[in-house]
Amino acid sequence: MPSPNLDTPEGIELHIRAVFGQSARGALCIAGAESGWRADALNVNDDSSRDRGVFQINSRWHGGLTDGDAFDAATNVAYAFRLSDGGRNWSAWSAVTRKRCGFD
């Protein structure tokens, strides 16, 4: 099976399904709420930190993730998989997003 095109929201959705497996429903909701499944999504916060990429990984709290990696869909999804303990713990994301996705 060919790899999905990670330059499109549809391809990113397919990639999230492949990476997260049984936890994909929650991961898709989080990524959809955070970025609309877009690798180039960027939000600058009041404290000048930046939420970057598909899962909006924050530059202050996750400074070890470079911008290049944060805006690379495959790397961002893999980072979110590790950060969320395979989709079992979404506490690193905002309470608003977690509630919207049924995690709080």
N, C-alpha and C. Protein backbone atom coordinates (compact mmCIF):
# COMPACT_ATOMS: atom_id res chain seq x y z
N MET A 1 0.85 -1.18 0.00
CA MET A 1 0.00 0.00 0.00
C MET A 1 0.89 1.25 0.00
N PRO A 2 0.64 2.20 -0.90
CA PRO A 2 1.47 3.40 -0.95
C PRO A 2 1.24 4.28 0.28
N SER A 3 2.26 5.05 0.62
CA SER A 3 2.15 5.98 1.74
C SER A 3 1.20 7.11 1.35
N PRO A 4 0.42 7.61 2.33
CA PRO A 4 -0.49 8.72 2.01
C PRO A 4 0.30 10.01 1.75
N ASN A 5 -0.29 10.90 0.99
CA ASN A 5 0.29 12.20 0.70
C ASN A 5 0.12 13.08 1.94
N LEU A 6 1.22 13.35 2.63
CA LEU A 6 1.14 14.12 3.87
C LEU A 6 1.09 15.63 3.63
N ASP A 7 0.90 16.03 2.38
CA ASP A 7 0.71 17.44 2.05
C ASP A 7 -0.76 17.82 2.02
N THR A 8 -1.64 16.85 2.28
CA THR A 8 -3.07 17.12 2.26
C THR A 8 -3.71 16.70 3.58
N PRO A 9 -4.77 17.36 4.00
CA PRO A 9 -5.46 16.93 5.22
C PRO A 9 -5.93 15.47 5.13
N GLU A 10 -6.37 15.05 3.96
CA GLU A 10 -6.84 13.67 3.80
C GLU A 10 -5.70 12.67 4.00
N GLY A 11 -4.54 12.98 3.47
CA GLY A 11 -3.38 12.12 3.65
C GLY A 11 -2.92 12.08 5.10
N ILE A 12 -2.98 13.23 5.76
CA ILE A 12 -2.61 13.29 7.18
C ILE A 12 -3.59 12.47 8.01
N GLU A 13 -4.88 12.56 7.70
CA GLU A 13 -5.87 11.73 8.40
C GLU A 13 -5.54 10.25 8.24
N LEU A 14 -5.23 9.81 7.04
CA LEU A 14 -4.87 8.41 6.82
C LEU A 14 -3.63 8.03 7.62
N HIS A 15 -2.66 8.92 7.66
CA HIS A 15 -1.43 8.65 8.41
C HIS A 15 -1.72 8.53 9.91
N ILE A 16 -2.55 9.42 10.43
CA ILE A 16 -2.92 9.36 11.85
C ILE A 16 -3.60 8.02 12.14
N ARG A 17 -4.50 7.58 11.27
CA ARG A 17 -5.16 6.28 11.46
C ARG A 17 -4.13 5.15 11.52
N ALA A 18 -3.13 5.21 10.64
CA ALA A 18 -2.12 4.15 10.60
C ALA A 18 -1.25 4.17 11.85
N VAL A 19 -0.85 5.34 12.30
CA VAL A 19 0.04 5.45 13.46
C VAL A 19 -0.69 5.13 14.75
N PHE A 20 -1.88 5.67 14.95
CA PHE A 20 -2.58 5.54 16.22
C PHE A 20 -3.42 4.26 16.33
N GLY A 21 -3.72 3.61 15.23
CA GLY A 21 -4.46 2.36 15.28
C GLY A 21 -5.78 2.50 16.02
N GLN A 22 -5.98 1.72 17.07
CA GLN A 22 -7.25 1.72 17.80
C GLN A 22 -7.53 3.05 18.51
N SER A 23 -6.52 3.87 18.70
CA SER A 23 -6.71 5.17 19.34
C SER A 23 -6.90 6.29 18.31
N ALA A 24 -7.11 5.92 17.06
CA ALA A 24 -7.18 6.92 15.99
C ALA A 24 -8.36 7.87 16.13
N ARG A 25 -9.49 7.41 16.61
CA ARG A 25 -10.67 8.29 16.71
C ARG A 25 -10.34 9.52 17.54
N GLY A 26 -9.76 9.31 18.71
CA GLY A 26 -9.40 10.43 19.57
C GLY A 26 -8.31 11.30 18.95
N ALA A 27 -7.32 10.67 18.36
CA ALA A 27 -6.22 11.41 17.73
C ALA A 27 -6.74 12.27 16.58
N LEU A 28 -7.65 11.72 15.79
CA LEU A 28 -8.21 12.49 14.68
C LEU A 28 -8.99 13.69 15.20
N CYS A 29 -9.71 13.51 16.29
CA CYS A 29 -10.47 14.62 16.86
C CYS A 29 -9.52 15.71 17.36
N ILE A 30 -8.49 15.31 18.09
CA ILE A 30 -7.53 16.29 18.61
C ILE A 30 -6.86 17.04 17.45
N ALA A 31 -6.35 16.32 16.47
CA ALA A 31 -5.66 16.96 15.34
C ALA A 31 -6.62 17.84 14.54
N GLY A 32 -7.85 17.39 14.37
CA GLY A 32 -8.84 18.19 13.64
C GLY A 32 -9.16 19.48 14.38
N ALA A 33 -9.34 19.37 15.69
CA ALA A 33 -9.64 20.56 16.50
C ALA A 33 -8.46 21.52 16.56
N GLU A 34 -7.27 20.97 16.63
CA GLU A 34 -6.07 21.81 16.78
C GLU A 34 -5.64 22.46 15.47
N SER A 35 -5.65 21.72 14.37
CA SER A 35 -5.06 22.26 13.13
C SER A 35 -5.90 22.05 11.87
N GLY A 36 -7.00 21.33 11.98
CA GLY A 36 -7.73 20.98 10.75
C GLY A 36 -6.93 20.01 9.91
N TRP A 37 -6.09 19.20 10.56
CA TRP A 37 -5.22 18.20 9.92
C TRP A 37 -4.25 18.85 8.94
N ARG A 38 -3.71 20.01 9.32
CA ARG A 38 -2.77 20.74 8.46
C ARG A 38 -1.38 20.75 9.07
N ALA A 39 -0.39 20.36 8.29
CA ALA A 39 0.99 20.33 8.76
C ALA A 39 1.57 21.73 8.94
N ASP A 40 1.03 22.71 8.22
CA ASP A 40 1.58 24.07 8.27
C ASP A 40 0.86 24.97 9.28
N ALA A 41 -0.03 24.42 10.07
CA ALA A 41 -0.79 25.22 11.03
C ALA A 41 0.14 25.85 12.06
N LEU A 42 -0.10 27.11 12.38
CA LEU A 42 0.72 27.85 13.34
C LEU A 42 -0.17 28.78 14.14
N ASN A 43 0.00 28.76 15.46
CA ASN A 43 -0.71 29.68 16.34
C ASN A 43 0.33 30.31 17.27
N VAL A 44 0.38 31.64 17.29
CA VAL A 44 1.28 32.35 18.19
C VAL A 44 0.47 32.74 19.42
N ASN A 45 0.96 32.32 20.59
CA ASN A 45 0.27 32.56 21.85
C ASN A 45 0.66 33.90 22.46
N ASP A 46 -0.09 34.35 23.46
CA ASP A 46 0.17 35.61 24.13
C ASP A 46 1.58 35.67 24.73
N ASP A 47 2.13 34.51 25.14
CA ASP A 47 3.47 34.47 25.72
C ASP A 47 4.57 34.32 24.66
N SER A 48 4.21 34.48 23.40
CA SER A 48 5.10 34.38 22.23
C SER A 48 5.52 32.95 21.90
N SER A 49 5.06 31.96 22.67
CA SER A 49 5.32 30.58 22.27
C SER A 49 4.44 30.28 21.07
N ARG A 50 4.80 29.23 20.35
CA ARG A 50 4.07 28.92 19.12
C ARG A 50 3.60 27.48 19.14
N ASP A 51 2.37 27.27 18.74
CA ASP A 51 1.80 25.93 18.57
C ASP A 51 1.96 25.58 17.10
N ARG A 52 2.60 24.41 16.84
CA ARG A 52 3.08 24.14 15.49
C ARG A 52 2.59 22.80 14.96
N GLY A 53 2.15 22.82 13.70
CA GLY A 53 1.87 21.60 12.97
C GLY A 53 0.55 20.92 13.30
N VAL A 54 0.45 19.68 12.86
CA VAL A 54 -0.78 18.90 12.92
C VAL A 54 -1.39 18.87 14.32
N PHE A 55 -0.57 18.55 15.32
CA PHE A 55 -1.05 18.44 16.70
C PHE A 55 -0.73 19.68 17.53
N GLN A 56 -0.29 20.76 16.86
CA GLN A 56 -0.01 22.03 17.52
C GLN A 56 0.91 21.86 18.73
N ILE A 57 2.09 21.31 18.49
CA ILE A 57 3.08 21.06 19.52
C ILE A 57 3.71 22.41 19.91
N ASN A 58 3.63 22.76 21.20
CA ASN A 58 4.06 24.06 21.68
C ASN A 58 5.59 24.18 21.74
N SER A 59 6.09 25.31 21.26
CA SER A 59 7.55 25.54 21.21
C SER A 59 8.17 25.74 22.59
N ARG A 60 7.42 26.26 23.54
CA ARG A 60 7.97 26.47 24.88
C ARG A 60 8.10 25.15 25.62
N TRP A 61 7.06 24.36 25.64
CA TRP A 61 7.04 23.13 26.42
C TRP A 61 7.72 21.97 25.69
N HIS A 62 7.90 22.11 24.40
CA HIS A 62 8.51 21.05 23.60
C HIS A 62 9.56 21.66 22.67
N GLY A 63 10.46 22.44 23.28
CA GLY A 63 11.48 23.16 22.54
C GLY A 63 12.49 22.25 21.85
N GLY A 64 12.58 20.99 22.28
CA GLY A 64 13.48 20.05 21.64
C GLY A 64 13.02 19.64 20.25
N LEU A 65 11.78 19.91 19.95
CA LEU A 65 11.23 19.62 18.62
C LEU A 65 11.44 20.87 17.77
N THR A 66 12.32 20.78 16.80
CA THR A 66 12.62 21.93 15.96
C THR A 66 11.41 22.31 15.10
N ASP A 67 11.42 23.52 14.58
CA ASP A 67 10.36 23.93 13.67
C ASP A 67 10.28 23.00 12.47
N GLY A 68 11.44 22.63 11.94
CA GLY A 68 11.45 21.72 10.79
C GLY A 68 10.73 20.43 11.09
N ASP A 69 10.97 19.88 12.28
CA ASP A 69 10.29 18.64 12.67
C ASP A 69 8.83 18.89 13.03
N ALA A 70 8.54 20.00 13.69
CA ALA A 70 7.17 20.29 14.10
C ALA A 70 6.25 20.48 12.89
N PHE A 71 6.79 21.03 11.81
CA PHE A 71 5.99 21.26 10.61
C PHE A 71 6.06 20.10 9.62
N ASP A 72 6.79 19.07 9.95
CA ASP A 72 6.82 17.84 9.16
C ASP A 72 5.72 16.93 9.70
N ALA A 73 4.73 16.63 8.88
CA ALA A 73 3.55 15.90 9.36
C ALA A 73 3.90 14.57 10.00
N ALA A 74 4.76 13.79 9.38
CA ALA A 74 5.09 12.47 9.92
C ALA A 74 5.77 12.59 11.28
N THR A 75 6.69 13.53 11.41
CA THR A 75 7.40 13.71 12.68
C THR A 75 6.46 14.25 13.75
N ASN A 76 5.60 15.19 13.39
CA ASN A 76 4.65 15.76 14.33
C ASN A 76 3.70 14.69 14.85
N VAL A 77 3.19 13.86 13.97
CA VAL A 77 2.27 12.78 14.37
C VAL A 77 2.99 11.78 15.28
N ALA A 78 4.21 11.42 14.92
CA ALA A 78 4.99 10.49 15.76
C ALA A 78 5.25 11.09 17.14
N TYR A 79 5.55 12.38 17.20
CA TYR A 79 5.79 13.05 18.47
C TYR A 79 4.51 13.04 19.32
N ALA A 80 3.38 13.35 18.68
CA ALA A 80 2.10 13.34 19.41
C ALA A 80 1.76 11.94 19.90
N PHE A 81 2.11 10.92 19.13
CA PHE A 81 1.87 9.54 19.56
C PHE A 81 2.64 9.24 20.84
N ARG A 82 3.91 9.64 20.88
CA ARG A 82 4.71 9.43 22.09
C ARG A 82 4.20 10.29 23.25
N LEU A 83 3.91 11.56 22.97
CA LEU A 83 3.47 12.50 24.00
C LEU A 83 2.15 12.06 24.62
N SER A 84 1.27 11.47 23.82
CA SER A 84 -0.05 11.04 24.30
C SER A 84 -0.06 9.59 24.78
N ASP A 85 1.12 9.00 24.91
CA ASP A 85 1.22 7.59 25.33
C ASP A 85 0.36 6.71 24.42
N GLY A 86 0.58 6.88 23.14
CA GLY A 86 -0.14 6.07 22.16
C GLY A 86 -1.61 6.41 22.04
N GLY A 87 -1.97 7.63 22.39
CA GLY A 87 -3.37 8.05 22.30
C GLY A 87 -4.16 7.76 23.56
N ARG A 88 -3.48 7.41 24.65
CA ARG A 88 -4.18 7.10 25.91
C ARG A 88 -4.21 8.27 26.88
N ASN A 89 -3.41 9.32 26.65
CA ASN A 89 -3.33 10.42 27.60
C ASN A 89 -3.16 11.73 26.84
N TRP A 90 -4.22 12.50 26.79
CA TRP A 90 -4.22 13.76 26.04
C TRP A 90 -4.06 14.96 26.96
N SER A 91 -3.52 14.78 28.16
CA SER A 91 -3.41 15.87 29.13
C SER A 91 -2.50 17.00 28.68
N ALA A 92 -1.62 16.78 27.73
CA ALA A 92 -0.74 17.84 27.25
C ALA A 92 -1.47 18.84 26.35
N TRP A 93 -2.67 18.52 25.92
CA TRP A 93 -3.45 19.41 25.07
C TRP A 93 -4.42 20.21 25.92
N SER A 94 -4.96 21.28 25.37
CA SER A 94 -5.81 22.18 26.13
C SER A 94 -7.08 21.49 26.62
N ALA A 95 -7.57 21.98 27.74
CA ALA A 95 -8.81 21.45 28.32
C ALA A 95 -9.97 21.63 27.35
N VAL A 96 -9.97 22.72 26.61
CA VAL A 96 -11.04 22.98 25.64
C VAL A 96 -11.05 21.89 24.57
N THR A 97 -9.88 21.59 24.03
CA THR A 97 -9.78 20.56 22.99
C THR A 97 -10.13 19.19 23.57
N ARG A 98 -9.60 18.86 24.75
CA ARG A 98 -9.90 17.57 25.36
C ARG A 98 -11.41 17.41 25.58
N LYS A 99 -12.06 18.46 26.06
CA LYS A 99 -13.51 18.39 26.30
C LYS A 99 -14.26 18.22 24.99
N ARG A 100 -13.87 18.97 23.97
CA ARG A 100 -14.52 18.87 22.66
C ARG A 100 -14.43 17.45 22.12
N CYS A 101 -13.32 16.78 22.43
CA CYS A 101 -13.09 15.44 21.90
C CYS A 101 -13.54 14.34 22.87
N GLY A 102 -14.13 14.72 23.99
CA GLY A 102 -14.69 13.76 24.92
C GLY A 102 -13.71 13.14 25.88
N PHE A 103 -12.59 13.84 26.15
CA PHE A 103 -11.59 13.30 27.07
C PHE A 103 -11.66 13.91 28.47
N ASP A 104 -12.48 14.92 28.68
CA ASP A 104 -12.65 15.53 30.02
C ASP A 104 -14.12 15.65 30.34
